[in-house]
């Protein structure tokens, strides 16, 4: 399944609900457009895929729920590779195939997922430790020293591996939003300077020929961490630079991350 969420596709999706959606249900996210390309319209609520047993019955329930949500006016779908040991992403893929048969295209839907937590594969039965060694340690994807709290890594090689796995699980060519999943997991396990180094590497290691990410500044003060980024995109031979500032805020429920400006 090709393409990604686009302004044109999301507008087409929103038009399906012009007579039924509440005013403002579909909106363009702030600070997400780029020169020459508007951001896609997103529904005011989305559907997540976090909990449940890693079995076929739950797979079918999730796929049916996602199809019903999209048919009812929700075009934001969220997951993570560790949700139900990779099966939630695969349930989304099944839903996308069914939706495509009904005429709802990939460019109408906004997909997000996450990487960071080390997870087994529910569809690969056997010893989880043997799976980790075969898939991550022996190929050099992950080193023991890259792991924090016994379950989390932000190393560029690991995140690249997880992104590729998520693309395969979801059966798509592009993920619209990719999160580093709960990077704050590492804050209590490693010194602050090491955490900042890993966070910087995680962003800069995500660069490619088309997109170059540079971390200009990482700063922690009290319960807040601020990351200033420059993203250089090569589009049609042009290079455009977008500066973003991300703020990590520690609250009663843990750390949250949000964009606070460009």
Protein backbone atom coordinates (compact mmCIF):
# COMPACT_ATOMS: atom_id res chain seq x y z
CA UNK A 1 0.00 0.00 0.00
CA UNK A 2 1.59 3.24 -1.15
CA UNK A 3 1.54 6.95 -0.33
CA UNK A 4 0.91 8.79 2.93
CA UNK A 5 -1.63 11.15 4.42
CA UNK A 6 -1.96 14.22 2.19
CA UNK A 7 -3.93 17.45 2.35
CA UNK A 8 -5.87 16.44 -0.76
CA UNK A 9 -6.66 12.96 0.55
CA UNK A 10 -7.70 14.17 4.00
CA UNK A 11 -9.89 16.86 2.45
CA UNK A 12 -11.56 14.18 0.38
CA UNK A 13 -12.11 12.12 3.53
CA UNK A 14 -13.56 15.07 5.48
CA UNK A 15 -15.95 15.77 2.62
CA UNK A 16 -17.53 12.36 3.22
CA UNK A 17 -18.83 13.70 6.54
CA UNK A 18 -19.72 17.26 5.54
CA UNK A 19 -23.35 16.73 6.51
CA UNK A 20 -22.75 14.85 9.76
CA UNK A 21 -19.49 15.98 11.41
CA UNK A 22 -19.59 18.68 14.06
CA UNK A 23 -18.04 22.03 13.08
CA UNK A 24 -14.31 21.90 13.74
CA UNK A 25 -14.17 18.11 13.95
CA UNK A 26 -11.64 18.10 11.12
CA UNK A 27 -8.84 20.62 11.51
CA UNK A 28 -5.35 21.30 10.23
CA UNK A 29 -2.75 20.68 12.96
CA UNK A 30 -0.84 23.80 13.99
CA UNK A 31 2.72 24.35 12.75
CA UNK A 32 2.70 21.24 10.56
CA UNK A 33 2.45 22.68 7.05
CA UNK A 34 5.50 23.30 4.88
CA UNK A 35 6.13 25.65 1.97
CA UNK A 36 4.01 24.49 -0.95
CA UNK A 37 2.23 21.75 1.00
CA UNK A 38 -0.60 22.09 3.51
CA UNK A 39 -0.96 19.72 6.44
CA UNK A 40 -3.71 17.08 6.20
CA UNK A 41 -7.00 17.66 8.00
CA UNK A 42 -7.19 15.45 11.09
CA UNK A 43 -10.22 14.29 13.05
CA UNK A 44 -10.51 15.72 16.56
CA UNK A 45 -10.27 12.23 18.04
CA UNK A 46 -8.32 9.18 16.95
CA UNK A 47 -8.30 5.47 17.64
CA UNK A 48 -5.51 3.70 19.53
CA UNK A 49 -4.46 0.06 19.67
CA UNK A 50 -2.73 -0.35 23.03
CA UNK A 51 -4.29 -3.09 25.18
CA UNK A 52 -5.55 -6.61 24.60
CA UNK A 53 -4.33 -10.16 24.30
CA UNK A 54 -1.92 -11.04 21.47
CA UNK A 55 -4.34 -13.46 19.84
CA UNK A 56 -6.36 -13.74 16.65
CA UNK A 57 -9.68 -12.91 18.30
CA UNK A 58 -8.30 -9.59 19.52
CA UNK A 59 -6.78 -9.00 16.08
CA UNK A 60 -10.21 -9.34 14.51
CA UNK A 61 -11.79 -7.07 17.13
CA UNK A 62 -9.19 -4.37 16.57
CA UNK A 63 -9.47 -4.55 12.79
CA UNK A 64 -13.27 -4.28 12.99
CA UNK A 65 -13.03 -1.37 15.45
CA UNK A 66 -10.63 0.52 13.20
CA UNK A 67 -12.85 -0.02 10.16
CA UNK A 68 -15.88 1.19 12.12
CA UNK A 69 -13.97 4.22 13.42
CA UNK A 70 -12.85 5.26 9.93
CA UNK A 71 -16.34 4.71 8.56
CA UNK A 72 -17.61 6.97 11.34
CA UNK A 73 -15.32 9.94 10.75
CA UNK A 74 -12.00 9.15 12.46
CA UNK A 75 -8.93 9.33 10.25
CA UNK A 76 -6.18 9.26 12.91
CA UNK A 77 -4.88 5.79 13.84
CA UNK A 78 -2.16 5.25 16.45
CA UNK A 79 -0.08 2.26 17.46
CA UNK A 80 3.37 1.17 18.66
CA UNK A 81 5.48 -1.80 17.70
CA UNK A 82 5.34 -3.21 21.23
CA UNK A 83 1.53 -3.03 21.47
CA UNK A 84 0.41 -6.66 21.76
CA UNK A 85 3.90 -7.73 20.68
CA UNK A 86 3.59 -6.28 17.13
CA UNK A 87 0.09 -7.63 16.49
CA UNK A 88 -1.68 -4.28 16.86
CA UNK A 89 0.24 -2.89 13.88
CA UNK A 90 -0.72 -5.97 11.86
CA UNK A 91 -4.37 -5.54 12.83
CA UNK A 92 -4.19 -2.00 11.43
CA UNK A 93 -2.81 -3.45 8.18
CA UNK A 94 -5.80 -5.78 7.96
CA UNK A 95 -8.17 -2.86 8.54
CA UNK A 96 -6.43 -0.76 5.87
CA UNK A 97 -6.86 -3.54 3.34
CA UNK A 98 -10.59 -3.77 4.09
CA UNK A 99 -10.98 0.00 3.94
CA UNK A 100 -9.17 0.14 0.59
CA UNK A 101 -11.71 -2.32 -0.81
CA UNK A 102 -14.42 0.11 0.29
CA UNK A 103 -12.75 2.99 -1.53
CA UNK A 104 -11.04 4.71 1.41
CA UNK A 105 -7.47 5.30 0.30
CA UNK A 106 -4.25 5.47 2.32
CA UNK A 107 -3.83 9.20 1.61
CA UNK A 108 -7.04 9.91 3.55
CA UNK A 109 -5.71 8.38 6.78
CA UNK A 110 -3.03 9.57 9.22
CA UNK A 111 -0.95 6.77 10.77
CA UNK A 112 1.34 7.12 13.76
CA UNK A 113 3.39 4.53 15.58
CA UNK A 114 6.30 4.37 18.00
CA UNK A 115 9.61 2.65 18.62
CA UNK A 116 11.87 2.40 21.65
CA UNK A 117 10.63 -0.47 23.76
CA UNK A 118 12.24 -3.82 23.01
CA UNK A 119 9.52 -6.29 22.16
CA UNK A 120 9.21 -9.91 21.07
CA UNK A 121 7.05 -10.99 18.15
CA UNK A 122 3.83 -12.77 19.10
CA UNK A 123 3.81 -14.45 15.68
CA UNK A 124 7.30 -15.89 16.25
CA UNK A 125 6.77 -18.49 19.00
CA UNK A 126 9.69 -19.68 21.02
CA UNK A 127 12.10 -18.39 23.60
CA UNK A 128 12.02 -14.54 23.71
CA UNK A 129 15.67 -14.43 24.73
CA UNK A 130 16.65 -16.48 21.68
CA UNK A 131 14.55 -14.10 19.55
CA UNK A 132 16.36 -11.03 20.95
CA UNK A 133 19.76 -12.57 20.37
CA UNK A 134 18.90 -13.68 16.81
CA UNK A 135 17.17 -10.50 15.70
CA UNK A 136 19.06 -7.80 17.57
CA UNK A 137 22.28 -8.79 19.33
CA UNK A 138 24.00 -11.04 16.79
CA UNK A 139 23.35 -8.75 13.78
CA UNK A 140 24.64 -5.76 15.79
CA UNK A 141 21.32 -3.92 15.71
CA UNK A 142 21.47 -3.52 19.48
CA UNK A 143 24.28 -3.55 22.02
CA UNK A 144 23.79 -4.41 25.67
CA UNK A 145 25.05 -0.96 26.68
CA UNK A 146 22.36 0.71 24.54
CA UNK A 147 19.57 -0.76 26.70
CA UNK A 148 18.11 1.16 29.64
CA UNK A 149 15.79 -0.21 32.34
CA UNK A 150 16.14 -3.61 30.71
CA UNK A 151 13.56 -2.74 28.06
CA UNK A 152 14.29 0.48 26.15
CA UNK A 153 16.73 1.78 23.56
CA UNK A 154 17.10 4.96 21.50
CA UNK A 155 20.14 3.90 19.48
CA UNK A 156 19.85 4.95 15.82
CA UNK A 157 20.45 1.41 14.54
CA UNK A 158 17.71 0.02 16.77
CA UNK A 159 15.20 2.74 15.87
CA UNK A 160 15.93 2.26 12.15
CA UNK A 161 15.32 -1.46 12.57
CA UNK A 162 12.07 -0.85 14.43
CA UNK A 163 10.85 1.62 11.83
CA UNK A 164 11.45 -0.95 9.07
CA UNK A 165 9.59 -3.59 11.07
CA UNK A 166 6.66 -1.23 11.66
CA UNK A 167 6.45 -0.41 7.95
CA UNK A 168 6.29 -4.14 7.22
CA UNK A 169 3.76 -4.82 9.99
CA UNK A 170 1.51 -1.99 8.78
CA UNK A 171 2.00 -2.92 5.10
CA UNK A 172 2.63 0.71 4.16
CA UNK A 173 5.45 2.63 2.53
CA UNK A 174 5.25 5.62 4.85
CA UNK A 175 4.35 6.32 8.49
CA UNK A 176 3.02 9.84 8.92
CA UNK A 177 4.27 10.36 12.48
CA UNK A 178 6.94 8.28 14.20
CA UNK A 179 7.54 8.74 17.92
CA UNK A 180 10.45 7.80 20.11
CA UNK A 181 8.33 5.90 22.61
CA UNK A 182 8.62 7.30 26.14
CA UNK A 183 12.28 8.42 26.04
CA UNK A 184 11.82 9.48 29.67
CA UNK A 185 12.07 5.77 30.53
CA UNK A 186 15.83 6.26 30.42
CA UNK A 187 16.03 9.38 32.60
CA UNK A 188 16.11 7.46 35.88
CA UNK A 189 18.58 4.89 34.59
CA UNK A 190 21.44 6.86 33.05
CA UNK A 191 23.21 10.17 33.83
CA UNK A 192 21.61 13.28 32.36
CA UNK A 193 24.51 13.98 29.98
CA UNK A 194 24.25 10.46 28.58
CA UNK A 195 20.49 10.84 28.18
CA UNK A 196 21.01 14.06 26.20
CA UNK A 197 23.64 12.39 24.03
CA UNK A 198 21.32 9.49 23.26
CA UNK A 199 18.41 11.80 22.50
CA UNK A 200 20.59 13.84 20.14
CA UNK A 201 21.81 10.69 18.39
CA UNK A 202 18.26 9.37 18.06
CA UNK A 203 17.17 12.46 16.11
CA UNK A 204 20.31 12.94 14.06
CA UNK A 205 20.50 9.22 13.33
CA UNK A 206 17.08 9.51 11.68
CA UNK A 207 18.53 11.61 8.86
CA UNK A 208 18.49 10.38 5.28
CA UNK A 209 19.36 11.65 1.81
CA UNK A 210 15.98 13.39 1.65
CA UNK A 211 15.76 14.62 5.23
CA UNK A 212 18.59 15.89 7.39
CA UNK A 213 17.91 16.48 11.09
CA UNK A 214 20.33 18.49 13.18
CA UNK A 215 19.98 18.95 16.94
CA UNK A 216 20.93 22.53 17.74
CA UNK A 217 20.38 22.43 21.48
CA UNK A 218 19.21 20.09 24.25
CA UNK A 219 18.53 21.63 27.64
CA UNK A 220 17.04 20.26 30.88
CA UNK A 221 15.83 22.60 33.62
CA UNK A 222 13.78 21.32 36.54
CA UNK A 223 10.90 19.28 35.17
CA UNK A 224 11.37 20.39 31.55
CA UNK A 225 13.63 19.33 28.70
CA UNK A 226 13.83 21.43 25.53
CA UNK A 227 15.14 20.12 22.18
CA UNK A 228 15.76 22.58 19.32
CA UNK A 229 15.94 20.98 15.87
CA UNK A 230 16.67 22.03 12.32
CA UNK A 231 15.13 19.84 9.61
CA UNK A 232 16.34 20.23 6.05
CA UNK A 233 14.10 18.62 3.43
CA UNK A 234 15.07 18.08 -0.18
CA UNK A 235 11.93 18.36 -2.30
CA UNK A 236 12.09 18.50 -6.08
CA UNK A 237 15.68 19.72 -6.01
CA UNK A 238 14.87 22.47 -3.48
CA UNK A 239 16.16 22.49 0.06
CA UNK A 240 13.89 23.94 2.72
CA UNK A 241 14.90 24.37 6.36
CA UNK A 242 12.35 24.16 9.16
CA UNK A 243 13.32 24.82 12.77
CA UNK A 244 11.28 23.16 15.49
CA UNK A 245 11.34 23.29 19.28
CA UNK A 246 10.10 20.30 21.27
CA UNK A 247 9.32 20.55 24.97
CA UNK A 248 9.32 17.59 27.35
CA UNK A 249 7.32 18.34 30.49
CA UNK A 250 7.27 16.17 33.60
CA UNK A 251 3.85 15.93 35.25
CA UNK A 252 1.97 13.62 37.62
CA UNK A 253 1.47 11.06 34.88
CA UNK A 254 5.08 11.13 33.64
CA UNK A 255 6.75 13.02 30.80
CA UNK A 256 4.90 14.36 27.76
CA UNK A 257 6.37 15.85 24.57
CA UNK A 258 4.87 18.61 22.48
CA UNK A 259 5.97 21.06 19.80
CA UNK A 260 6.03 24.64 21.08
CA UNK A 261 7.16 26.58 18.02
CA UNK A 262 9.18 26.99 14.84
